[in-house]
Each structure stands twice: as structure tokens, then as C-alpha cells.
Amino acid sequence: MKELQDILHLVREHPGPLALATLVGVEGASYRRPGARLLLDREGALRGSLSGGCLEGDVYARALETLAENRPRLMQYDLRGDADLVWGSGSGCEGLLDILVEPLHGFPEWMTWLEQAWASRTTLTLHTALSLDQLGRRSLPPQPGASAPGFTETFLPPTALWILGASDDSRPLVRMAKDLGWFVGVLDHRPAFARPERFPEADAVRAGHPVQVLTGLPLDHRSAVVLMTHHYAKDLESLRLLLPSSAGYLGLMGSRARGAKLLAELAAEGLRPNHRLHTPVGLDLGAVDPEAIALSILAEIQAFLHGRSGRSLGAVDAAAPQP
């Protein structure tokens, strides 16, 4: 997500000619998955990658030709078996890769569609034509059953993280979430703490009591809310509002005993949490300082919203479906 966000920003701001390389097909194994992108200018790579470094040099040469000819081209790289040694890396990816390289003229319309979808938190599906006469043309996907060879990809809205609590320990959580490309909002009942200058990276900073700041908040299945107010009554008030919401993830900071007491009070009111509520919040990473705690929280949110276990990749069944 962050890589694509950065590419769109560079396309909008960069003054010179640009070329965009997109991985549109993979047969076998590959370092990157279809949809990976590499943005280049005449001087070289600007952002992104398509492989473990073995293809970028040749893609750059092809990008220069694309800019000179002012037309897109579709290339295929065979990294299977001994053919991998041709590219000088011996990476053993064992894949057949199709890469579309195209010149960019201004800010393409499909990038505007994507920005609008992100802003409205809607899912966008785009089809990229790969036929010679339509190469690189983007459109909405064809109707089911229609014949339209090409590359179709779906863009989800960014993960939205709302942090309840504007104390200093929230700062690394804000910074690291923004490094992931997430939307981040900070809420606190104390106006002296909920100030934009204290959280310059945040997309939104709001002051008010839970009923004021949570009511009407645009929470959806890709939204996470982490309660770290360190204020028992405010957490209780917030959970009353959040448990019936559509938020995909809820995290409560504090000890197990504190969390159990809060949940017992809510249960007495007829509010029972489901698997969305995580308390204590975060994965077991041995975190002690605020930065490591932020890492454990973000890791748990990332895993949960993607339906993953948070286990070591080496321990995951090789036959299990991968994202």
C-alpha cells in the first residue's frame, strides 16, 4: 500500500518523463506478486521493485526505449532453472514473469480513480488490457463471463487506525502506522493532548469525550480502533459505543485483570465482545518500550485484518493458501 501511495505522489510531483513497470503475470514462484510496480525516470529507479534485484537493470533499459518510442511494451522474463543465471542473480525464483512497461503522460486517469476510491474508502477493481492494440489501457472490469484478456487487480482502501489516547506512548504507533501507508486518527478527551502539532503525521486529531468523537466515526471492516487512554471510565464508555460498530479490529491496552473487569461490566449490561476485541492488545513480542509495543500492536492488526495467524512464516504449513 505505502509503495503504491508513494508512486502516485511521485507521478503527481515529478517534473520529468516517467515510465511505470508493472508485474502483470507470474507463472511459478516470484519475489514479488502481480501488481508490484517500479517507477523510473531517465536517471533510474525512483520507487518500487519487481524482483530481488535481478531484473531492474534490464527493465530500466527497456524503460528508456519505451520513453524514446512513446509506446508501452510487454516483456517476459524466464527465471526458471538455469535460465535464472542469465540475469546474474541465481535467485532461484523459478518463475515466468510478464512485465508491462509504459510511458506516463501527466497523472493518468486510473490513478485519479484510485485516489478517489481510497478517499471514499471503497474498493476499486481495474482491468489492464494486454492485447497489442489496447496495451496498457485501464478500464472497469468486464462483466462476468465476458472475454477480455488482460490483468485485473483489486485495490482495497487503506487500513484505518483510530487511536483513543493522545499520550506520548501513542506517538510511535502513529509514526509506524503511517510508514505502512495507513490512515491514522488520534482521539482524546483532553484538548491539551489532542493537538495536531503533537501528532504531525496523523491524518486527523480530534478532542472530545467518547460519545462526541466516536459517534459517526466512519468505521468499516478495514478499520482498527486501539484504546490506550489509561482511563478506566473512558475505556468503558468507548467500548459501549465500539462493540456494536462495524470496526474490523478492537484493541484494549492494559493488564488482563483490567480487561476482564471491563468486559465483566459490559457483559452485565448485555454487551458481549466477539473475536474482534483483543485484550491485552498486541502480539507476544517481548515488547516493553513504546516503540516495541507499537510494533506488536501493528503486527497483530495486520495479521488479524488479513486473516493470518501471526505465527512465524517458517511454521506456517507450506500448503496453506498465501495472500
Protein backbone atom coordinates (compact mmCIF):
# COMPACT_ATOMS: atom_id res chain seq x y z
CA MET A 1 0.00 0.00 0.00
CA LYS A 2 2.68 2.53 1.01
CA GLU A 3 4.76 1.76 -2.06
CA LEU A 4 1.84 2.50 -4.39
CA GLN A 5 0.92 5.63 -2.44
CA ASP A 6 4.50 6.88 -2.86
CA ILE A 7 4.44 6.09 -6.58
CA LEU A 8 1.26 8.12 -7.08
CA HIS A 9 2.78 11.03 -5.16
CA LEU A 10 5.94 10.94 -7.29
CA VAL A 11 3.94 10.77 -10.52
CA ARG A 12 2.00 13.85 -9.47
CA GLU A 13 5.05 15.84 -8.35
CA HIS A 14 7.91 14.68 -10.61
CA PRO A 15 8.67 17.17 -13.43
CA GLY A 16 10.34 14.86 -15.94
CA PRO A 17 9.33 11.96 -18.21
CA LEU A 18 8.38 8.84 -16.28
CA ALA A 19 7.93 5.18 -17.06
CA LEU A 20 5.95 2.71 -14.98
CA ALA A 21 6.74 -1.01 -14.97
CA THR A 22 4.06 -3.34 -13.60
CA LEU A 23 4.30 -7.05 -12.90
CA VAL A 24 1.15 -8.30 -14.64
CA GLY A 25 1.69 -12.03 -14.68
CA VAL A 26 3.58 -14.74 -12.77
CA GLU A 27 3.84 -18.42 -13.53
CA GLY A 28 5.63 -20.29 -10.78
CA ALA A 29 7.45 -18.58 -7.91
CA SER A 30 8.38 -14.91 -7.78
CA TYR A 31 9.93 -12.50 -5.28
CA ARG A 32 7.06 -10.04 -5.92
CA ARG A 33 3.43 -10.75 -6.66
CA PRO A 34 1.36 -9.47 -9.62
CA GLY A 35 0.61 -5.80 -9.15
CA ALA A 36 4.13 -4.91 -7.97
CA ARG A 37 5.35 -1.72 -9.60
CA LEU A 38 8.57 0.12 -10.36
CA LEU A 39 8.59 3.82 -11.24
CA LEU A 40 11.54 5.10 -13.27
CA ASP A 41 12.78 8.27 -14.91
CA ARG A 42 15.69 8.74 -17.30
CA GLU A 43 18.14 8.55 -14.39
CA GLY A 44 16.94 5.24 -12.98
CA ALA A 45 14.55 3.77 -10.43
CA LEU A 46 12.54 6.13 -8.23
CA ARG A 47 10.33 3.82 -6.17
CA GLY A 48 9.28 0.20 -6.11
CA SER A 49 10.69 -3.12 -7.25
CA LEU A 50 9.74 -6.07 -9.42
CA SER A 51 12.22 -8.71 -8.29
CA GLY A 52 15.01 -9.33 -5.83
CA GLY A 53 17.19 -7.02 -7.94
CA CYS A 54 17.89 -9.30 -10.88
CA LEU A 55 15.55 -7.67 -13.41
CA GLU A 56 15.59 -4.00 -12.56
CA GLY A 57 18.65 -3.19 -14.69
CA ASP A 58 17.15 -4.66 -17.84
CA VAL A 59 13.74 -3.15 -17.09
CA TYR A 60 15.44 0.26 -16.83
CA ALA A 61 16.97 -0.22 -20.29
CA ARG A 62 13.57 -1.19 -21.68
CA ALA A 63 12.00 1.82 -19.94
CA LEU A 64 14.41 4.16 -21.74
CA GLU A 65 13.34 2.60 -25.04
CA THR A 66 9.70 2.96 -24.06
CA LEU A 67 10.19 6.65 -23.32
CA ALA A 68 12.05 7.18 -26.60
CA GLU A 69 9.36 5.40 -28.62
CA ASN A 70 6.49 6.77 -26.53
CA ARG A 71 4.64 3.47 -26.54
CA PRO A 72 4.10 0.70 -24.00
CA ARG A 73 5.64 -2.73 -24.31
CA LEU A 74 5.01 -6.12 -22.73
CA MET A 75 8.06 -8.21 -21.82
CA GLN A 76 8.55 -11.71 -20.46
CA TYR A 77 11.40 -12.89 -18.24
CA ASP A 78 12.07 -16.57 -17.69
CA LEU A 79 13.72 -17.21 -14.30
CA ARG A 80 13.12 -20.95 -14.25
CA GLY A 81 16.02 -23.30 -13.68
CA ASP A 82 19.28 -22.44 -15.39
CA ALA A 83 17.61 -19.52 -17.19
CA ASP A 84 17.80 -17.62 -13.90
CA LEU A 85 21.58 -17.45 -14.27
CA VAL A 86 21.14 -15.31 -17.39
CA TRP A 87 20.16 -12.40 -15.15
CA GLY A 88 23.23 -12.83 -12.97
CA SER A 89 21.48 -13.32 -9.64
CA GLY A 90 20.92 -17.02 -9.18
CA SER A 91 17.96 -16.10 -7.02
CA GLY A 92 16.14 -19.32 -7.79
CA CYS A 93 12.73 -17.67 -8.11
CA GLU A 94 11.67 -20.37 -10.58
CA GLY A 95 9.11 -18.11 -12.22
CA LEU A 96 7.99 -16.79 -15.58
CA LEU A 97 7.28 -13.07 -15.25
CA ASP A 98 5.27 -10.77 -17.54
CA ILE A 99 6.05 -7.07 -17.12
CA LEU A 100 4.24 -4.13 -18.69
CA VAL A 101 6.36 -1.00 -19.19
CA GLU A 102 4.54 2.17 -20.21
CA PRO A 103 5.31 5.87 -20.52
CA LEU A 104 3.31 8.19 -18.29
CA HIS A 105 1.83 11.42 -19.58
CA GLY A 106 0.82 13.58 -16.67
CA PHE A 107 -1.28 11.96 -13.96
CA PRO A 108 -3.20 9.05 -15.53
CA GLU A 109 -6.95 8.90 -15.10
CA TRP A 110 -6.79 5.48 -13.46
CA MET A 111 -4.59 6.91 -10.71
CA THR A 112 -7.24 9.57 -10.08
CA TRP A 113 -9.84 6.81 -9.81
CA LEU A 114 -7.63 5.07 -7.28
CA GLU A 115 -7.13 8.19 -5.16
CA GLN A 116 -10.88 8.80 -5.16
CA ALA A 117 -11.56 5.21 -4.09
CA TRP A 118 -9.06 5.47 -1.26
CA ALA A 119 -10.56 8.77 -0.10
CA SER A 120 -14.09 7.32 -0.08
CA ARG A 121 -12.89 4.02 1.44
CA THR A 122 -14.33 1.96 -1.39
CA THR A 123 -12.84 -0.98 -3.25
CA LEU A 124 -11.74 -0.40 -6.85
CA THR A 125 -11.22 -3.13 -9.43
CA LEU A 126 -9.35 -2.21 -12.62
CA HIS A 127 -8.66 -4.15 -15.77
CA THR A 128 -5.46 -3.53 -17.74
CA ALA A 129 -5.59 -4.63 -21.37
CA LEU A 130 -2.58 -6.62 -22.55
CA SER A 131 -3.54 -7.08 -26.19
CA LEU A 132 -1.29 -5.34 -28.73
CA ASP A 133 -3.96 -2.92 -29.92
CA GLN A 134 -5.08 -1.91 -26.39
CA LEU A 135 -1.86 -2.45 -24.41
CA GLY A 136 -1.93 -0.63 -21.08
CA ARG A 137 -5.46 0.75 -21.36
CA ARG A 138 -7.29 0.74 -18.00
CA SER A 139 -10.99 0.24 -17.56
CA LEU A 140 -13.51 -1.08 -15.09
CA PRO A 141 -13.59 -4.87 -15.14
CA PRO A 142 -15.72 -6.58 -17.80
CA GLN A 143 -18.99 -8.24 -16.96
CA PRO A 144 -18.71 -11.80 -15.60
CA GLY A 145 -18.30 -14.23 -18.45
CA ALA A 146 -17.11 -11.59 -20.92
CA SER A 147 -13.88 -12.25 -22.79
CA ALA A 148 -11.29 -9.59 -22.02
CA PRO A 149 -7.75 -10.95 -21.73
CA GLY A 150 -5.51 -8.88 -19.56
CA PHE A 151 -4.62 -8.17 -15.97
CA THR A 152 -7.30 -7.44 -13.37
CA GLU A 153 -6.44 -6.22 -9.89
CA THR A 154 -8.46 -5.08 -6.90
CA PHE A 155 -7.38 -2.16 -4.71
CA LEU A 156 -8.66 -2.12 -1.14
CA PRO A 157 -8.92 1.08 0.90
CA PRO A 158 -6.01 1.71 3.28
CA THR A 159 -6.27 0.30 6.77
CA ALA A 160 -7.68 3.00 9.06
CA LEU A 161 -6.30 3.14 12.59
CA TRP A 162 -8.07 5.22 15.22
CA ILE A 163 -6.13 5.62 18.45
CA LEU A 164 -8.03 6.59 21.58
CA GLY A 165 -5.48 8.27 23.78
CA ALA A 166 -3.04 11.03 22.89
CA SER A 167 -0.34 10.35 25.45
CA ASP A 168 3.31 10.12 24.43
CA ASP A 169 3.14 6.35 24.00
CA SER A 170 0.74 6.88 21.09
CA ARG A 171 3.35 8.76 19.06
CA PRO A 172 5.38 5.77 17.80
CA LEU A 173 2.13 3.99 16.95
CA VAL A 174 1.12 6.93 14.76
CA ARG A 175 4.51 7.17 13.04
CA MET A 176 4.84 3.47 12.34
CA ALA A 177 1.27 3.14 11.07
CA LYS A 178 1.90 5.99 8.62
CA ASP A 179 5.06 4.18 7.46
CA LEU A 180 2.70 1.34 6.49
CA GLY A 181 0.52 3.70 4.48
CA TRP A 182 -2.42 3.56 6.87
CA PHE A 183 -4.89 6.33 7.61
CA VAL A 184 -4.34 7.35 11.24
CA GLY A 185 -6.58 9.33 13.55
CA VAL A 186 -5.93 10.28 17.18
CA LEU A 187 -8.77 10.94 19.64
CA ASP A 188 -8.61 12.11 23.25
CA HIS A 189 -10.96 13.67 25.78
CA ARG A 190 -8.17 16.08 26.83
CA PRO A 191 -7.83 19.07 24.45
CA ALA A 192 -4.34 19.80 25.77
CA PHE A 193 -3.19 16.40 24.48
CA ALA A 194 -5.24 16.10 21.29
CA ARG A 195 -3.37 18.75 19.32
CA PRO A 196 -2.22 18.35 15.70
CA GLU A 197 1.24 19.69 16.49
CA ARG A 198 1.80 16.76 18.86
CA PHE A 199 0.97 14.28 16.09
CA PRO A 200 2.12 15.90 12.83
CA GLU A 201 1.97 12.60 10.91
CA ALA A 202 -1.67 11.90 11.83
CA ASP A 203 -4.43 12.43 9.27
CA ALA A 204 -6.90 13.54 11.94
CA VAL A 205 -6.60 14.69 15.56
CA ARG A 206 -9.82 15.31 17.46
CA ALA A 207 -10.60 16.29 21.05
CA GLY A 208 -13.77 15.29 22.82
CA HIS A 209 -15.38 12.72 25.05
CA PRO A 210 -16.05 9.28 23.52
CA VAL A 211 -19.68 9.96 22.66
CA GLN A 212 -18.55 13.13 20.84
CA VAL A 213 -15.65 11.72 18.83
CA LEU A 214 -16.82 8.15 18.23
CA THR A 215 -20.40 8.80 17.20
CA GLY A 216 -20.48 8.91 13.41
CA LEU A 217 -16.88 7.79 13.02
CA PRO A 218 -16.52 6.05 9.60
CA LEU A 219 -15.64 2.58 10.89
CA ASP A 220 -15.65 -0.35 8.48
CA HIS A 221 -14.15 -3.85 8.27
CA ARG A 222 -10.73 -2.38 7.41
CA SER A 223 -10.79 -0.06 10.44
CA ALA A 224 -8.96 -0.74 13.69
CA VAL A 225 -9.51 1.06 16.98
CA VAL A 226 -6.95 0.85 19.78
CA LEU A 227 -7.90 2.08 23.24
CA MET A 228 -4.89 3.37 25.14
CA THR A 229 -6.39 6.18 27.20
CA HIS A 230 -5.16 4.68 30.50
CA HIS A 231 -8.54 5.88 31.84
CA TYR A 232 -10.88 3.13 33.01
CA ALA A 233 -14.14 5.09 32.76
CA LYS A 234 -13.31 6.42 29.28
CA ASP A 235 -12.42 2.95 28.03
CA LEU A 236 -15.70 1.61 29.39
CA GLU A 237 -17.64 4.42 27.73
CA SER A 238 -15.78 3.89 24.44
CA LEU A 239 -16.35 0.13 24.38
CA ARG A 240 -20.08 0.64 24.83
CA LEU A 241 -20.02 2.55 21.54
CA LEU A 242 -17.45 0.42 19.71
CA LEU A 243 -18.70 -3.11 20.36
CA PRO A 244 -21.82 -2.62 18.19
CA SER A 245 -19.79 -0.83 15.48
CA SER A 246 -18.52 -2.21 12.16
CA ALA A 247 -14.84 -1.85 13.11
CA GLY A 248 -12.85 -4.86 11.98
CA TYR A 249 -10.48 -4.83 14.96
CA LEU A 250 -10.67 -3.52 18.52
CA GLY A 251 -7.66 -3.49 20.84
CA LEU A 252 -7.62 -2.65 24.53
CA MET A 253 -4.36 -1.75 26.27
CA GLY A 254 -3.88 -2.77 29.87
CA SER A 255 -3.47 -5.81 32.05
CA ARG A 256 -5.55 -8.97 31.73
CA ALA A 257 -7.20 -8.21 35.05
CA ARG A 258 -8.17 -4.71 33.94
CA GLY A 259 -9.55 -6.03 30.66
CA ALA A 260 -11.51 -8.77 32.41
CA LYS A 261 -13.06 -6.25 34.78
CA LEU A 262 -14.12 -4.01 31.88
CA LEU A 263 -15.61 -6.92 29.99
CA ALA A 264 -17.48 -8.11 33.07
CA GLU A 265 -19.12 -4.71 33.44
CA LEU A 266 -20.08 -4.70 29.77
CA ALA A 267 -21.45 -8.25 29.99
CA ALA A 268 -23.65 -7.18 32.90
CA GLU A 269 -25.12 -4.58 30.53
CA GLY A 270 -25.73 -7.21 27.86
CA LEU A 271 -22.72 -6.27 25.71
CA ARG A 272 -20.52 -9.25 24.92
CA PRO A 273 -17.43 -8.82 22.73
CA ASN A 274 -16.60 -11.20 19.90
CA HIS A 275 -13.26 -12.21 18.41
CA ARG A 276 -12.66 -8.64 17.18
CA LEU A 277 -11.69 -7.46 20.66
CA HIS A 278 -8.08 -8.12 21.64
CA THR A 279 -7.02 -7.58 25.22
CA PRO A 280 -4.27 -7.15 26.14
CA VAL A 281 -3.63 -5.62 22.75
CA GLY A 282 -0.69 -6.78 20.61
CA LEU A 283 1.33 -9.89 19.81
CA ASP A 284 3.69 -11.51 22.28
CA LEU A 285 6.96 -9.98 21.06
CA GLY A 286 8.55 -9.26 24.42
CA ALA A 287 7.75 -5.57 23.97
CA VAL A 288 8.48 -3.19 26.82
CA ASP A 289 9.20 0.28 25.43
CA PRO A 290 6.63 2.31 23.42
CA GLU A 291 8.23 1.60 20.04
CA ALA A 292 8.27 -2.18 20.53
CA ILE A 293 4.72 -2.07 21.91
CA ALA A 294 3.64 -0.16 18.80
CA LEU A 295 5.26 -2.85 16.65
CA SER A 296 3.40 -5.61 18.50
CA ILE A 297 0.07 -3.77 18.11
CA LEU A 298 0.53 -3.08 14.40
CA ALA A 299 1.65 -6.65 13.77
CA GLU A 300 -1.49 -8.01 15.42
CA ILE A 301 -3.75 -5.66 13.46
CA GLN A 302 -2.03 -6.55 10.19
CA ALA A 303 -2.37 -10.27 10.84
CA PHE A 304 -5.95 -10.15 12.08
CA LEU A 305 -7.35 -7.98 9.30
CA HIS A 306 -5.72 -10.27 6.74
CA GLY A 307 -6.95 -13.45 8.39
CA ARG A 308 -3.47 -14.61 9.33
CA SER A 309 -2.20 -16.26 12.48
CA GLY A 310 0.78 -14.04 13.27
CA ARG A 311 2.97 -17.16 13.51
CA SER A 312 6.46 -17.47 12.10
CA LEU A 313 6.37 -17.99 8.33
CA GLY A 314 8.66 -20.96 8.82
CA ALA A 315 5.99 -22.60 10.98
CA VAL A 316 3.13 -21.97 8.56
CA ASP A 317 2.01 -25.00 6.58
CA ALA A 318 3.52 -24.75 3.11
CA ALA A 319 0.24 -25.99 1.68
CA ALA A 320 -1.76 -23.20 3.29
CA PRO A 321 -3.04 -20.51 0.90
CA GLN A 322 -0.85 -17.43 0.78
CA PRO A 323 -2.13 -13.87 0.19
